[in-house]
């Protein structure tokens, strides 16, 4: 995961970044790449992202999608991802 953050004087921030997720579907391996745009306010990060279809491979090669996440306590994050295949 690689992020670039720009902090404001009040301690909040905006960020963008790329995240790589390795996974499998029915035993077939693949890599899913997400492009994030998000904010950081009062210790909570939230982001909306899209799947970078041309950067994915294996079982995820032609997937498209989008989603969002919000961090909770201790930096854990809850993701919601909607994926589709052509």
N, C-alpha and C. Protein backbone atom coordinates (compact mmCIF):
# COMPACT_ATOMS: atom_id res chain seq x y z
N UNK A 1 0.85 -1.16 0.00
CA UNK A 1 0.00 0.00 0.00
C UNK A 1 0.90 1.23 0.00
N UNK A 2 0.65 2.13 -0.92
CA UNK A 2 1.41 3.38 -1.03
C UNK A 2 0.43 4.55 -1.06
N UNK A 3 0.62 5.51 -0.13
CA UNK A 3 -0.25 6.67 -0.06
C UNK A 3 0.56 7.95 -0.07
N UNK A 4 -0.01 8.98 -0.63
CA UNK A 4 0.54 10.33 -0.56
C UNK A 4 -0.49 11.17 0.19
N UNK A 5 -0.06 11.80 1.30
CA UNK A 5 -0.99 12.57 2.14
C UNK A 5 -0.60 14.04 2.15
N UNK A 6 -1.60 14.89 2.19
CA UNK A 6 -1.41 16.34 2.31
C UNK A 6 -2.15 16.78 3.57
N UNK A 7 -1.38 17.23 4.58
CA UNK A 7 -1.98 17.62 5.86
C UNK A 7 -2.39 19.08 5.87
N UNK A 8 -3.51 19.34 6.56
CA UNK A 8 -3.99 20.71 6.77
C UNK A 8 -3.54 21.17 8.15
N UNK A 9 -3.62 22.45 8.42
CA UNK A 9 -3.17 22.99 9.70
C UNK A 9 -3.96 22.46 10.88
N UNK A 10 -5.19 21.99 10.67
CA UNK A 10 -6.00 21.45 11.77
C UNK A 10 -5.71 19.97 12.05
N UNK A 11 -4.73 19.38 11.31
CA UNK A 11 -4.36 17.98 11.51
C UNK A 11 -5.10 17.00 10.62
N UNK A 12 -6.12 17.46 9.93
CA UNK A 12 -6.80 16.58 8.98
C UNK A 12 -5.95 16.48 7.71
N UNK A 13 -6.33 15.57 6.84
CA UNK A 13 -5.53 15.38 5.62
C UNK A 13 -6.40 14.81 4.51
N UNK A 14 -5.91 14.97 3.29
CA UNK A 14 -6.46 14.26 2.14
C UNK A 14 -5.36 13.33 1.64
N UNK A 15 -5.75 12.24 1.00
CA UNK A 15 -4.73 11.32 0.50
C UNK A 15 -5.20 10.63 -0.76
N UNK A 16 -4.23 10.15 -1.51
CA UNK A 16 -4.48 9.28 -2.66
C UNK A 16 -3.44 8.18 -2.60
N UNK A 17 -3.76 7.06 -3.20
CA UNK A 17 -2.79 5.97 -3.17
C UNK A 17 -3.25 4.75 -3.92
N UNK A 18 -2.34 3.79 -3.97
CA UNK A 18 -2.60 2.51 -4.64
C UNK A 18 -2.41 1.39 -3.63
N UNK A 19 -3.28 0.39 -3.72
CA UNK A 19 -3.22 -0.76 -2.83
C UNK A 19 -3.29 -2.03 -3.67
N UNK A 20 -2.45 -2.99 -3.34
CA UNK A 20 -2.44 -4.28 -4.02
C UNK A 20 -2.96 -5.34 -3.07
N UNK A 21 -3.93 -6.11 -3.53
CA UNK A 21 -4.51 -7.18 -2.73
C UNK A 21 -4.31 -8.49 -3.48
N UNK A 22 -3.68 -9.46 -2.83
CA UNK A 22 -3.53 -10.79 -3.42
C UNK A 22 -4.62 -11.68 -2.85
N UNK A 23 -5.27 -12.45 -3.72
CA UNK A 23 -6.33 -13.32 -3.26
C UNK A 23 -6.60 -14.44 -4.23
N UNK A 24 -7.65 -15.20 -3.95
CA UNK A 24 -8.02 -16.28 -4.86
C UNK A 24 -9.53 -16.46 -4.86
N UNK A 25 -9.99 -17.00 -5.95
CA UNK A 25 -11.39 -17.37 -6.11
C UNK A 25 -11.40 -18.82 -6.58
N UNK A 26 -12.01 -19.69 -5.79
CA UNK A 26 -12.07 -21.12 -6.12
C UNK A 26 -10.68 -21.68 -6.43
N UNK A 27 -9.68 -21.27 -5.66
CA UNK A 27 -8.33 -21.78 -5.82
C UNK A 27 -7.50 -21.11 -6.90
N UNK A 28 -8.07 -20.20 -7.68
CA UNK A 28 -7.32 -19.49 -8.72
C UNK A 28 -6.79 -18.18 -8.14
N UNK A 29 -5.47 -17.98 -8.21
CA UNK A 29 -4.80 -16.82 -7.63
C UNK A 29 -4.92 -15.59 -8.52
N UNK A 30 -4.77 -14.42 -7.91
CA UNK A 30 -4.76 -13.18 -8.68
C UNK A 30 -4.41 -11.98 -7.83
N UNK A 31 -4.20 -10.86 -8.50
CA UNK A 31 -3.87 -9.60 -7.84
C UNK A 31 -4.91 -8.56 -8.26
N UNK A 32 -5.45 -7.87 -7.25
CA UNK A 32 -6.43 -6.81 -7.45
C UNK A 32 -5.76 -5.50 -7.03
N UNK A 33 -5.81 -4.46 -7.87
CA UNK A 33 -5.20 -3.17 -7.56
C UNK A 33 -6.29 -2.13 -7.38
N UNK A 34 -6.24 -1.40 -6.27
CA UNK A 34 -7.24 -0.37 -5.95
C UNK A 34 -6.59 1.01 -5.95
N UNK A 35 -7.27 2.00 -6.56
CA UNK A 35 -6.82 3.40 -6.55
C UNK A 35 -7.71 4.16 -5.57
N UNK A 36 -7.10 4.69 -4.50
CA UNK A 36 -7.84 5.35 -3.42
C UNK A 36 -7.82 6.88 -3.52
N UNK A 37 -8.90 7.50 -3.07
CA UNK A 37 -9.00 8.94 -2.81
C UNK A 37 -9.70 9.06 -1.46
N UNK A 38 -9.05 9.70 -0.48
CA UNK A 38 -9.67 9.70 0.82
C UNK A 38 -9.33 10.88 1.69
N UNK A 39 -9.84 10.82 2.92
CA UNK A 39 -9.63 11.87 3.91
C UNK A 39 -9.23 11.24 5.24
N UNK A 40 -8.57 12.04 6.07
CA UNK A 40 -8.18 11.66 7.41
C UNK A 40 -8.61 12.78 8.34
N UNK A 41 -9.56 12.48 9.24
CA UNK A 41 -10.09 13.50 10.15
C UNK A 41 -10.27 12.90 11.54
N UNK A 42 -9.77 13.58 12.55
CA UNK A 42 -9.94 13.16 13.94
C UNK A 42 -9.57 11.71 14.16
N UNK A 43 -8.48 11.28 13.54
CA UNK A 43 -7.97 9.92 13.73
C UNK A 43 -8.65 8.84 12.92
N UNK A 44 -9.58 9.21 12.06
CA UNK A 44 -10.30 8.23 11.24
C UNK A 44 -10.02 8.48 9.76
N UNK A 45 -9.55 7.45 9.08
CA UNK A 45 -9.32 7.54 7.63
C UNK A 45 -10.51 6.91 6.92
N UNK A 46 -10.94 7.53 5.84
CA UNK A 46 -11.98 6.94 5.00
C UNK A 46 -11.60 7.19 3.55
N UNK A 47 -11.97 6.25 2.70
CA UNK A 47 -11.56 6.33 1.30
C UNK A 47 -12.63 5.73 0.40
N UNK A 48 -12.71 6.27 -0.80
CA UNK A 48 -13.47 5.66 -1.88
C UNK A 48 -12.43 5.22 -2.90
N UNK A 49 -12.64 4.08 -3.52
CA UNK A 49 -11.63 3.57 -4.45
C UNK A 49 -12.29 2.90 -5.65
N UNK A 50 -11.49 2.76 -6.69
CA UNK A 50 -11.90 2.03 -7.89
C UNK A 50 -10.85 0.96 -8.18
N UNK A 51 -11.27 -0.08 -8.86
CA UNK A 51 -10.35 -1.13 -9.30
C UNK A 51 -9.61 -0.64 -10.54
N UNK A 52 -8.29 -0.79 -10.54
CA UNK A 52 -7.46 -0.44 -11.70
C UNK A 52 -7.37 -1.69 -12.57
N UNK A 53 -8.35 -1.84 -13.44
CA UNK A 53 -8.52 -3.08 -14.22
C UNK A 53 -7.26 -3.48 -14.97
N UNK A 54 -6.59 -2.54 -15.62
CA UNK A 54 -5.41 -2.87 -16.42
C UNK A 54 -4.21 -3.32 -15.58
N UNK A 55 -4.25 -3.10 -14.27
CA UNK A 55 -3.14 -3.49 -13.41
C UNK A 55 -3.41 -4.82 -12.69
N UNK A 56 -4.61 -5.35 -12.78
CA UNK A 56 -4.96 -6.60 -12.11
C UNK A 56 -4.50 -7.78 -12.96
N UNK A 57 -4.29 -8.94 -12.29
CA UNK A 57 -3.90 -10.12 -13.06
C UNK A 57 -4.50 -11.39 -12.46
N UNK A 58 -4.21 -12.50 -13.14
CA UNK A 58 -4.72 -13.79 -12.68
C UNK A 58 -6.24 -13.81 -12.73
N UNK A 59 -6.84 -14.37 -11.71
CA UNK A 59 -8.29 -14.51 -11.66
C UNK A 59 -9.01 -13.16 -11.68
N UNK A 60 -8.32 -12.07 -11.28
CA UNK A 60 -8.93 -10.72 -11.25
C UNK A 60 -8.64 -9.91 -12.52
N UNK A 61 -8.05 -10.52 -13.54
CA UNK A 61 -7.54 -9.80 -14.71
C UNK A 61 -8.55 -8.85 -15.36
N UNK A 62 -9.78 -9.20 -15.49
CA UNK A 62 -10.74 -8.35 -16.20
C UNK A 62 -11.82 -7.79 -15.28
N UNK A 63 -11.59 -7.87 -13.99
CA UNK A 63 -12.59 -7.36 -13.05
C UNK A 63 -12.64 -5.84 -13.06
N UNK A 64 -13.82 -5.31 -12.82
CA UNK A 64 -14.01 -3.89 -12.59
C UNK A 64 -14.69 -3.76 -11.23
N UNK A 65 -14.66 -2.57 -10.67
CA UNK A 65 -15.35 -2.41 -9.41
C UNK A 65 -14.99 -1.13 -8.69
N UNK A 66 -15.60 -1.01 -7.51
CA UNK A 66 -15.37 0.17 -6.67
C UNK A 66 -15.71 -0.22 -5.25
N UNK A 67 -15.42 0.70 -4.34
CA UNK A 67 -15.73 0.43 -2.95
C UNK A 67 -15.31 1.56 -2.05
N UNK A 68 -15.29 1.26 -0.75
CA UNK A 68 -14.93 2.25 0.25
C UNK A 68 -14.43 1.55 1.49
N UNK A 69 -13.68 2.29 2.30
CA UNK A 69 -13.31 1.78 3.60
C UNK A 69 -13.30 2.92 4.61
N UNK A 70 -13.44 2.53 5.87
CA UNK A 70 -13.31 3.44 7.00
C UNK A 70 -12.51 2.72 8.07
N UNK A 71 -11.55 3.40 8.68
CA UNK A 71 -10.78 2.77 9.75
C UNK A 71 -11.55 2.84 11.05
N UNK A 72 -11.26 1.88 11.89
CA UNK A 72 -11.84 1.86 13.22
C UNK A 72 -10.73 2.04 14.24
N UNK A 73 -10.98 1.56 15.44
CA UNK A 73 -9.97 1.65 16.50
C UNK A 73 -8.75 0.83 16.13
N UNK A 74 -7.60 1.28 16.57
CA UNK A 74 -6.32 0.58 16.39
C UNK A 74 -5.95 0.37 14.93
N UNK A 75 -6.50 1.20 14.02
CA UNK A 75 -6.13 1.14 12.62
C UNK A 75 -6.78 0.05 11.79
N UNK A 76 -7.67 -0.75 12.38
CA UNK A 76 -8.34 -1.77 11.58
C UNK A 76 -9.30 -1.07 10.62
N UNK A 77 -9.50 -1.68 9.46
CA UNK A 77 -10.34 -1.06 8.43
C UNK A 77 -11.45 -2.00 8.01
N UNK A 78 -12.60 -1.43 7.75
CA UNK A 78 -13.73 -2.20 7.22
C UNK A 78 -13.92 -1.82 5.75
N UNK A 79 -13.77 -2.80 4.87
CA UNK A 79 -13.89 -2.58 3.44
C UNK A 79 -15.25 -3.04 2.93
N UNK A 80 -15.79 -2.31 1.96
CA UNK A 80 -16.94 -2.75 1.18
C UNK A 80 -16.49 -2.66 -0.27
N UNK A 81 -16.47 -3.79 -0.96
CA UNK A 81 -15.99 -3.85 -2.35
C UNK A 81 -17.07 -4.47 -3.23
N UNK A 82 -17.40 -3.80 -4.33
CA UNK A 82 -18.32 -4.34 -5.33
C UNK A 82 -17.50 -4.66 -6.57
N UNK A 83 -17.46 -5.94 -6.96
CA UNK A 83 -16.70 -6.37 -8.12
C UNK A 83 -17.64 -6.93 -9.17
N UNK A 84 -17.25 -6.78 -10.44
CA UNK A 84 -17.99 -7.42 -11.53
C UNK A 84 -17.02 -7.87 -12.60
N UNK A 85 -17.43 -8.89 -13.31
CA UNK A 85 -16.67 -9.43 -14.43
C UNK A 85 -17.40 -9.10 -15.73
N UNK A 86 -16.62 -8.94 -16.81
CA UNK A 86 -17.29 -8.69 -18.09
C UNK A 86 -18.01 -9.92 -18.61
